[in-house]
Amino acid sequence: MRIKLTGEQLTKLSSSLPFEVMLDKANDVRGLLELLGKQMPWDETGLSKFGDNALRRPGRVTFGIEEVDGGFICDIHPALVQHIYTLLS
């Protein structure tokens, strides 16, 4: 799934981590999203952060990041999209 994140949204997401995050380029954004993905709970299918099943996360949650004017286009796991939405709302 592809989403576009602005600099302001990335700043808000970076404040969800217990340490300071400074984002400068696409690799930094990818690393931030990987960390956010590792912090979320996953169900056995990896498609939802909710469920009564044993917790498991996919091996990869961020597939690619492209820098564009005003932000970044991110290819990420669909469940991570929902997690990001939750963190930004």
PDB file of N, CA and C in Angstrom:
ATOM      1  N   MET A   1       0.842  -1.160   0.000  1.00  0.00           N
ATOM      2  CA  MET A   1       0.000   0.000   0.000  1.00  0.00           C
ATOM      3  C   MET A   1       0.897   1.235   0.000  1.00  0.00           C
ATOM      4  N   ARG A   2       0.501   2.269  -0.740  1.00  0.00           N
ATOM      5  CA  ARG A   2       1.293   3.504  -0.816  1.00  0.00           C
ATOM      6  C   ARG A   2       0.570   4.627  -0.077  1.00  0.00           C
ATOM      7  N   ILE A   3       1.341   5.373   0.722  1.00  0.00           N
ATOM      8  CA  ILE A   3       0.806   6.555   1.389  1.00  0.00           C
ATOM      9  C   ILE A   3       1.805   7.692   1.225  1.00  0.00           C
ATOM     10  N   LYS A   4       1.328   8.915   1.363  1.00  0.00           N
ATOM     11  CA  LYS A   4       2.208  10.079   1.365  1.00  0.00           C
ATOM     12  C   LYS A   4       2.173  10.692   2.753  1.00  0.00           C
ATOM     13  N   LEU A   5       3.347  10.900   3.313  1.00  0.00           N
ATOM     14  CA  LEU A   5       3.477  11.529   4.619  1.00  0.00           C
ATOM     15  C   LEU A   5       4.210  12.850   4.463  1.00  0.00           C
ATOM     16  N   THR A   6       3.685  13.897   5.092  1.00  0.00           N
ATOM     17  CA  THR A   6       4.331  15.207   5.066  1.00  0.00           C
ATOM     18  C   THR A   6       5.370  15.291   6.177  1.00  0.00           C
ATOM     19  N   GLY A   7       6.189  16.319   6.120  1.00  0.00           N
ATOM     20  CA  GLY A   7       7.183  16.533   7.170  1.00  0.00           C
ATOM     21  C   GLY A   7       6.551  16.704   8.532  1.00  0.00           C
ATOM     22  N   GLU A   8       5.429  17.409   8.578  1.00  0.00           N
ATOM     23  CA  GLU A   8       4.712  17.621   9.844  1.00  0.00           C
ATOM     24  C   GLU A   8       4.207  16.291  10.415  1.00  0.00           C
ATOM     25  N   GLN A   9       3.671  15.430   9.566  1.00  0.00           N
ATOM     26  CA  GLN A   9       3.191  14.124  10.024  1.00  0.00           C
ATOM     27  C   GLN A   9       4.348  13.266  10.520  1.00  0.00           C
ATOM     28  N   LEU A  10       5.477  13.311   9.828  1.00  0.00           N
ATOM     29  CA  LEU A  10       6.636  12.533  10.257  1.00  0.00           C
ATOM     30  C   LEU A  10       7.162  13.020  11.609  1.00  0.00           C
ATOM     31  N   THR A  11       7.123  14.328  11.823  1.00  0.00           N
ATOM     32  CA  THR A  11       7.534  14.875  13.123  1.00  0.00           C
ATOM     33  C   THR A  11       6.628  14.358  14.231  1.00  0.00           C
ATOM     34  N   LYS A  12       5.326  14.327  13.964  1.00  0.00           N
ATOM     35  CA  LYS A  12       4.375  13.815  14.962  1.00  0.00           C
ATOM     36  C   LYS A  12       4.619  12.328  15.227  1.00  0.00           C
ATOM     37  N   LEU A  13       4.872  11.560  14.174  1.00  0.00           N
ATOM     38  CA  LEU A  13       5.149  10.129  14.353  1.00  0.00           C
ATOM     39  C   LEU A  13       6.438   9.908  15.136  1.00  0.00           C
ATOM     40  N   SER A  14       7.446  10.735  14.867  1.00  0.00           N
ATOM     41  CA  SER A  14       8.729  10.552  15.553  1.00  0.00           C
ATOM     42  C   SER A  14       8.613  10.817  17.049  1.00  0.00           C
ATOM     43  N   SER A  15       7.615  11.614  17.452  1.00  0.00           N
ATOM     44  CA  SER A  15       7.434  11.869  18.887  1.00  0.00           C
ATOM     45  C   SER A  15       6.797  10.681  19.605  1.00  0.00           C
ATOM     46  N   SER A  16       6.346   9.676  18.847  1.00  0.00           N
ATOM     47  CA  SER A  16       5.768   8.470  19.459  1.00  0.00           C
ATOM     48  C   SER A  16       6.835   7.529  20.004  1.00  0.00           C
ATOM     49  N   LEU A  17       8.092   7.766  19.644  1.00  0.00           N
ATOM     50  CA  LEU A  17       9.180   6.912  20.108  1.00  0.00           C
ATOM     51  C   LEU A  17       9.781   7.477  21.395  1.00  0.00           C
ATOM     52  N   PRO A  18      10.360   6.622  22.236  1.00  0.00           N
ATOM     53  CA  PRO A  18      10.883   7.073  23.528  1.00  0.00           C
ATOM     54  C   PRO A  18      12.247   7.763  23.433  1.00  0.00           C
ATOM     55  N   PHE A  19      12.649   8.187  22.243  1.00  0.00           N
ATOM     56  CA  PHE A  19      13.927   8.882  22.075  1.00  0.00           C
ATOM     57  C   PHE A  19      13.773   9.875  20.933  1.00  0.00           C
ATOM     58  N   GLU A  20      14.695  10.814  20.835  1.00  0.00           N
ATOM     59  CA  GLU A  20      14.618  11.839  19.809  1.00  0.00           C
ATOM     60  C   GLU A  20      14.962  11.255  18.447  1.00  0.00           C
ATOM     61  N   VAL A  21      14.168  11.604  17.450  1.00  0.00           N
ATOM     62  CA  VAL A  21      14.390  11.128  16.085  1.00  0.00           C
ATOM     63  C   VAL A  21      14.572  12.333  15.174  1.00  0.00           C
ATOM     64  N   MET A  22      15.638  12.342  14.382  1.00  0.00           N
ATOM     65  CA  MET A  22      15.866  13.406  13.409  1.00  0.00           C
ATOM     66  C   MET A  22      15.837  12.790  12.017  1.00  0.00           C
ATOM     67  N   LEU A  23      14.900  13.235  11.194  1.00  0.00           N
ATOM     68  CA  LEU A  23      14.721  12.691   9.858  1.00  0.00           C
ATOM     69  C   LEU A  23      15.320  13.642   8.832  1.00  0.00           C
ATOM     70  N   ASP A  24      16.189  13.113   7.982  1.00  0.00           N
ATOM     71  CA  ASP A  24      16.864  13.952   7.007  1.00  0.00           C
ATOM     72  C   ASP A  24      16.634  13.479   5.584  1.00  0.00           C
ATOM     73  N   LYS A  25      16.601  12.165   5.374  1.00  0.00           N
ATOM     74  CA  LYS A  25      16.461  11.631   4.018  1.00  0.00           C
ATOM     75  C   LYS A  25      15.592  10.378   4.029  1.00  0.00           C
ATOM     76  N   ALA A  26      15.361   9.823   2.859  1.00  0.00           N
ATOM     77  CA  ALA A  26      14.436   8.694   2.713  1.00  0.00           C
ATOM     78  C   ALA A  26      14.806   7.508   3.600  1.00  0.00           C
ATOM     79  N   ASN A  27      16.082   7.208   3.739  1.00  0.00           N
ATOM     80  CA  ASN A  27      16.486   6.079   4.586  1.00  0.00           C
ATOM     81  C   ASN A  27      16.102   6.307   6.042  1.00  0.00           C
ATOM     82  N   ASP A  28      16.151   7.568   6.491  1.00  0.00           N
ATOM     83  CA  ASP A  28      15.745   7.889   7.869  1.00  0.00           C
ATOM     84  C   ASP A  28      14.251   7.628   8.059  1.00  0.00           C
ATOM     85  N   VAL A  29      13.457   8.022   7.057  1.00  0.00           N
ATOM     86  CA  VAL A  29      12.012   7.795   7.132  1.00  0.00           C
ATOM     87  C   VAL A  29      11.727   6.303   7.168  1.00  0.00           C
ATOM     88  N   ARG A  30      12.411   5.560   6.334  1.00  0.00           N
ATOM     89  CA  ARG A  30      12.222   4.109   6.314  1.00  0.00           C
ATOM     90  C   ARG A  30      12.540   3.506   7.681  1.00  0.00           C
ATOM     91  N   GLY A  31      13.642   3.939   8.270  1.00  0.00           N
ATOM     92  CA  GLY A  31      13.998   3.435   9.601  1.00  0.00           C
ATOM     93  C   GLY A  31      12.961   3.780  10.656  1.00  0.00           C
ATOM     94  N   LEU A  32      12.426   5.017  10.595  1.00  0.00           N
ATOM     95  CA  LEU A  32      11.384   5.427  11.546  1.00  0.00           C
ATOM     96  C   LEU A  32      10.163   4.538  11.409  1.00  0.00           C
ATOM     97  N   LEU A  33       9.716   4.290  10.181  1.00  0.00           N
ATOM     98  CA  LEU A  33       8.522   3.468   9.973  1.00  0.00           C
ATOM     99  C   LEU A  33       8.763   2.021  10.394  1.00  0.00           C
ATOM    100  N   GLU A  34       9.968   1.504  10.182  1.00  0.00           N
ATOM    101  CA  GLU A  34      10.288   0.151  10.644  1.00  0.00           C
ATOM    102  C   GLU A  34      10.192   0.072  12.168  1.00  0.00           C
ATOM    103  N   LEU A  35      10.704   1.092  12.858  1.00  0.00           N
ATOM    104  CA  LEU A  35      10.624   1.109  14.326  1.00  0.00           C
ATOM    105  C   LEU A  35       9.178   1.169  14.795  1.00  0.00           C
ATOM    106  N   LEU A  36       8.367   2.011  14.161  1.00  0.00           N
ATOM    107  CA  LEU A  36       6.948   2.092  14.531  1.00  0.00           C
ATOM    108  C   LEU A  36       6.255   0.754  14.292  1.00  0.00           C
ATOM    109  N   GLY A  37       6.615   0.083  13.211  1.00  0.00           N
ATOM    110  CA  GLY A  37       6.027  -1.221  12.911  1.00  0.00           C
ATOM    111  C   GLY A  37       6.405  -2.281  13.930  1.00  0.00           C
ATOM    112  N   LYS A  38       7.624  -2.219  14.439  1.00  0.00           N
ATOM    113  CA  LYS A  38       8.050  -3.198  15.439  1.00  0.00           C
ATOM    114  C   LYS A  38       7.377  -2.964  16.778  1.00  0.00           C
ATOM    115  N   GLN A  39       6.937  -1.734  17.033  1.00  0.00           N
ATOM    116  CA  GLN A  39       6.307  -1.422  18.316  1.00  0.00           C
ATOM    117  C   GLN A  39       4.828  -1.788  18.350  1.00  0.00           C
ATOM    118  N   MET A  40       4.205  -2.015  17.201  1.00  0.00           N
ATOM    119  CA  MET A  40       2.773  -2.284  17.214  1.00  0.00           C
ATOM    120  C   MET A  40       2.495  -3.768  17.402  1.00  0.00           C
ATOM    121  N   PRO A  41       1.378  -4.116  18.056  1.00  0.00           N
ATOM    122  CA  PRO A  41       1.014  -5.535  18.186  1.00  0.00           C
ATOM    123  C   PRO A  41       0.408  -6.049  16.884  1.00  0.00           C
ATOM    124  N   TRP A  42       0.732  -7.275  16.541  1.00  0.00           N
ATOM    125  CA  TRP A  42       0.229  -7.894  15.307  1.00  0.00           C
ATOM    126  C   TRP A  42      -0.542  -9.155  15.669  1.00  0.00           C
ATOM    127  N   ASP A  43      -1.602  -9.462  14.901  1.00  0.00           N
ATOM    128  CA  ASP A  43      -2.267 -10.747  15.104  1.00  0.00           C
ATOM    129  C   ASP A  43      -1.568 -11.804  14.241  1.00  0.00           C
ATOM    130  N   GLU A  44      -2.071 -13.016  14.230  1.00  0.00           N
ATOM    131  CA  GLU A  44      -1.355 -14.110  13.563  1.00  0.00           C
ATOM    132  C   GLU A  44      -1.266 -13.936  12.054  1.00  0.00           C
ATOM    133  N   THR A  45      -2.168 -13.166  11.431  1.00  0.00           N
ATOM    134  CA  THR A  45      -2.081 -12.951   9.982  1.00  0.00           C
ATOM    135  C   THR A  45      -1.232 -11.749   9.643  1.00  0.00           C
ATOM    136  N   GLY A  46      -0.933 -10.896  10.624  1.00  0.00           N
ATOM    137  CA  GLY A  46      -0.167  -9.698  10.360  1.00  0.00           C
ATOM    138  C   GLY A  46      -0.975  -8.614   9.693  1.00  0.00           C
ATOM    139  N   LEU A  47      -2.294  -8.781   9.614  1.00  0.00           N
ATOM    140  CA  LEU A  47      -3.133  -7.814   8.920  1.00  0.00           C
ATOM    141  C   LEU A  47      -3.827  -6.842   9.852  1.00  0.00           C
ATOM    142  N   SER A  48      -3.787  -7.081  11.142  1.00  0.00           N
ATOM    143  CA  SER A  48      -4.496  -6.216  12.071  1.00  0.00           C
ATOM    144  C   SER A  48      -3.716  -6.116  13.365  1.00  0.00           C
ATOM    145  N   LYS A  49      -3.821  -4.970  14.024  1.00  0.00           N
ATOM    146  CA  LYS A  49      -3.160  -4.847  15.324  1.00  0.00           C
ATOM    147  C   LYS A  49      -4.059  -5.326  16.444  1.00  0.00           C
ATOM    148  N   PHE A  50      -5.277  -5.767  16.111  1.00  0.00           N
ATOM    149  CA  PHE A  50      -6.220  -6.252  17.106  1.00  0.00           C
ATOM    150  C   PHE A  50      -6.404  -7.753  16.952  1.00  0.00           C
ATOM    151  N   GLY A  51      -6.882  -8.410  17.997  1.00  0.00           N
ATOM    152  CA  GLY A  51      -7.177  -9.831  17.904  1.00  0.00           C
ATOM    153  C   GLY A  51      -6.799 -10.571  19.170  1.00  0.00           C
ATOM    154  N   ASP A  52      -7.365 -11.768  19.312  1.00  0.00           N
ATOM    155  CA  ASP A  52      -7.107 -12.592  20.491  1.00  0.00           C
ATOM    156  C   ASP A  52      -6.048 -13.657  20.224  1.00  0.00           C
ATOM    157  N   ASN A  53      -5.544 -13.695  19.003  1.00  0.00           N
ATOM    158  CA  ASN A  53      -4.578 -14.729  18.627  1.00  0.00           C
ATOM    159  C   ASN A  53      -3.175 -14.374  19.122  1.00  0.00           C
ATOM    160  N   ALA A  54      -2.267 -15.325  18.966  1.00  0.00           N
ATOM    161  CA  ALA A  54      -0.873 -15.075  19.338  1.00  0.00           C
ATOM    162  C   ALA A  54      -0.332 -13.918  18.493  1.00  0.00           C
ATOM    163  N   LEU A  55       0.466 -13.054  19.115  1.00  0.00           N
ATOM    164  CA  LEU A  55       0.984 -11.878  18.419  1.00  0.00           C
ATOM    165  C   LEU A  55       2.156 -12.243  17.509  1.00  0.00           C
ATOM    166  N   ARG A  56       2.135 -11.643  16.326  1.00  0.00           N
ATOM    167  CA  ARG A  56       3.217 -11.854  15.372  1.00  0.00           C
ATOM    168  C   ARG A  56       3.239 -10.682  14.408  1.00  0.00           C
ATOM    169  N   ARG A  57       4.384 -10.292  13.941  1.00  0.00           N
ATOM    170  CA  ARG A  57       4.450  -9.227  12.952  1.00  0.00           C
ATOM    171  C   ARG A  57       5.152  -9.742  11.699  1.00  0.00           C
ATOM    172  N   PRO A  58       4.852  -9.126  10.560  1.00  0.00           N
ATOM    173  CA  PRO A  58       5.527  -9.528   9.320  1.00  0.00           C
ATOM    174  C   PRO A  58       7.022  -9.239   9.392  1.00  0.00           C
ATOM    175  N   GLY A  59       7.777  -9.919   8.562  1.00  0.00           N
ATOM    176  CA  GLY A  59       9.218  -9.695   8.522  1.00  0.00           C
ATOM    177  C   GLY A  59       9.585  -8.302   8.051  1.00  0.00           C
ATOM    178  N   ARG A  60       8.798  -7.750   7.135  1.00  0.00           N
ATOM    179  CA  ARG A  60       9.072  -6.400   6.623  1.00  0.00           C
ATOM    180  C   ARG A  60       7.796  -5.582   6.672  1.00  0.00           C
ATOM    181  N   VAL A  61       7.892  -4.365   7.171  1.00  0.00           N
ATOM    182  CA  VAL A  61       6.723  -3.488   7.199  1.00  0.00           C
ATOM    183  C   VAL A  61       6.890  -2.286   6.270  1.00  0.00           C
ATOM    184  N   THR A  62       8.129  -1.954   5.903  1.00  0.00           N
ATOM    185  CA  THR A  62       8.393  -0.845   4.989  1.00  0.00           C
ATOM    186  C   THR A  62       9.138  -1.379   3.779  1.00  0.00           C
ATOM    187  N   PHE A  63       8.591  -1.128   2.595  1.00  0.00           N
ATOM    188  CA  PHE A  63       9.161  -1.705   1.380  1.00  0.00           C
ATOM    189  C   PHE A  63       9.946  -0.701   0.565  1.00  0.00           C
ATOM    190  N   GLY A  64       9.550   0.549   0.595  1.00  0.00           N
ATOM    191  CA  GLY A  64      10.267   1.552  -0.173  1.00  0.00           C
ATOM    192  C   GLY A  64       9.799   2.948   0.200  1.00  0.00           C
ATOM    193  N   ILE A  65      10.698   3.915   0.054  1.00  0.00           N
ATOM    194  CA  ILE A  65      10.391   5.313   0.356  1.00  0.00           C
ATOM    195  C   ILE A  65      10.935   6.163  -0.785  1.00  0.00           C
ATOM    196  N   GLU A  66      10.095   7.053  -1.332  1.00  0.00           N
ATOM    197  CA  GLU A  66      10.532   7.990  -2.367  1.00  0.00           C
ATOM    198  C   GLU A  66      10.317   9.404  -1.858  1.00  0.00           C
ATOM    199  N   GLU A  67      11.340  10.240  -1.967  1.00  0.00           N
ATOM    200  CA  GLU A  67      11.213  11.634  -1.559  1.00  0.00           C
ATOM    201  C   GLU A  67      10.525  12.414  -2.670  1.00  0.00           C
ATOM    202  N   VAL A  68       9.492  13.184  -2.321  1.00  0.00           N
ATOM    203  CA  VAL A  68       8.763  14.030  -3.265  1.00  0.00           C
ATOM    204  C   VAL A  68       8.603  15.415  -2.637  1.00  0.00           C
ATOM    205  N   ASP A  69       8.184  16.380  -3.432  1.00  0.00           N
ATOM    206  CA  ASP A  69       7.953  17.715  -2.887  1.00  0.00           C
ATOM    207  C   ASP A  69       6.914  17.649  -1.779  1.00  0.00           C
ATOM    208  N   GLY A  70       7.254  18.159  -0.627  1.00  0.00           N
ATOM    209  CA  GLY A  70       6.309  18.212   0.478  1.00  0.00           C
ATOM    210  C   GLY A  70       6.217  16.949   1.311  1.00  0.00           C
ATOM    211  N   GLY A  71       7.072  15.966   1.079  1.00  0.00           N
ATOM    212  CA  GLY A  71       7.010  14.765   1.912  1.00  0.00           C
ATOM    213  C   GLY A  71       7.645  13.554   1.284  1.00  0.00           C
ATOM    214  N   PHE A  72       7.099  12.391   1.620  1.00  0.00           N
ATOM    215  CA  PHE A  72       7.632  11.117   1.163  1.00  0.00           C
ATOM    216  C   PHE A  72       6.485  10.204   0.770  1.00  0.00           C
ATOM    217  N   ILE A  73       6.657   9.463  -0.329  1.00  0.00           N
ATOM    218  CA  ILE A  73       5.728   8.406  -0.710  1.00  0.00           C
ATOM    219  C   ILE A  73       6.293   7.113  -0.132  1.00  0.00           C
ATOM    220  N   CYS A  74       5.476   6.409   0.651  1.00  0.00           N
ATOM    221  CA  CYS A  74       5.936   5.233   1.382  1.00  0.00           C
ATOM    222  C   CYS A  74       5.149   4.000   0.965  1.00  0.00           C
ATOM    223  N   ASP A  75       5.846   2.931   0.612  1.00  0.00           N
ATOM    224  CA  ASP A  75       5.233   1.620   0.386  1.00  0.00           C
ATOM    225  C   ASP A  75       5.358   0.851   1.693  1.00  0.00           C
ATOM    226  N   ILE A  76       4.214   0.606   2.343  1.00  0.00           N
ATOM    227  CA  ILE A  76       4.260  -0.037   3.653  1.00  0.00           C
ATOM    228  C   ILE A  76       3.163  -1.085   3.788  1.00  0.00           C
ATOM    229  N   HIS A  77       3.320  -1.938   4.776  1.00  0.00           N
ATOM    230  CA  HIS A  77       2.350  -2.986   5.077  1.00  0.00           C
ATOM    231  C   HIS A  77       1.007  -2.349   5.441  1.00  0.00           C
ATOM    232  N   PRO A  78      -0.120  -2.891   4.936  1.00  0.00           N
ATOM    233  CA  PRO A  78      -1.440  -2.295   5.219  1.00  0.00           C
ATOM    234  C   PRO A  78      -1.752  -2.129   6.705  1.00  0.00           C
ATOM    235  N   ALA A  79      -1.324  -3.043   7.547  1.00  0.00           N
ATOM    236  CA  ALA A  79      -1.597  -2.907   8.982  1.00  0.00           C
ATOM    237  C   ALA A  79      -0.835  -1.723   9.572  1.00  0.00           C
ATOM    238  N   LEU A  80       0.354  -1.437   9.032  1.00  0.00           N
ATOM    239  CA  LEU A  80       1.110  -0.294   9.523  1.00  0.00           C
ATOM    240  C   LEU A  80       0.415   1.013   9.144  1.00  0.00           C
ATOM    241  N   VAL A  81      -0.284   1.021   8.012  1.00  0.00           N
ATOM    242  CA  VAL A  81      -1.073   2.200   7.635  1.00  0.00           C
ATOM    243  C   VAL A  81      -2.094   2.507   8.723  1.00  0.00           C
ATOM    244  N   GLN A  82      -2.798   1.494   9.191  1.00  0.00           N
ATOM    245  CA  GLN A  82      -3.799   1.684  10.243  1.00  0.00           C
ATOM    246  C   GLN A  82      -3.147   2.165  11.532  1.00  0.00           C
ATOM    247  N   HIS A  83      -1.991   1.603  11.863  1.00  0.00           N
ATOM    248  CA  HIS A  83      -1.268   2.008  13.071  1.00  0.00           C
ATOM    249  C   HIS A  83      -0.847   3.473  12.972  1.00  0.00           C
ATOM    250  N   ILE A  84      -0.337   3.896  11.817  1.00  0.00           N
ATOM    251  CA  ILE A  84       0.063   5.281  11.601  1.00  0.00           C
ATOM    252  C   ILE A  84      -1.145   6.203  11.710  1.00  0.00           C
ATOM    253  N   TYR A  85      -2.262   5.783  11.119  1.00  0.00           N
ATOM    254  CA  TYR A  85      -3.487   6.570  11.195  1.00  0.00           C
ATOM    255  C   TYR A  85      -3.896   6.791  12.659  1.00  0.00           C
ATOM    256  N   THR A  86      -3.797   5.728  13.454  1.00  0.00           N
ATOM    257  CA  THR A  86      -4.137   5.808  14.872  1.00  0.00           C
ATOM    258  C   THR A  86      -3.215   6.789  15.596  1.00  0.00           C
ATOM    259  N   LEU A  87      -1.933   6.728  15.298  1.00  0.00           N
ATOM    260  CA  LEU A  87      -0.971   7.609  15.956  1.00  0.00           C
ATOM    261  C   LEU A  87      -1.159   9.074  15.562  1.00  0.00           C
ATOM    262  N   LEU A  88      -1.619   9.321  14.318  1.00  0.00           N
ATOM    263  CA  LEU A  88      -1.775  10.693  13.837  1.00  0.00           C
ATOM    264  C   LEU A  88      -3.129  11.307  14.202  1.00  0.00           C
ATOM    265  N   SER A  89      -4.096  10.461  14.621  1.00  0.00           N
ATOM    266  CA  SER A  89      -5.417  11.038  14.935  1.00  0.00           C
ATOM    267  C   SER A  89      -5.577  11.342  16.410  1.00  0.00           C
TER     268      SER A  89
END
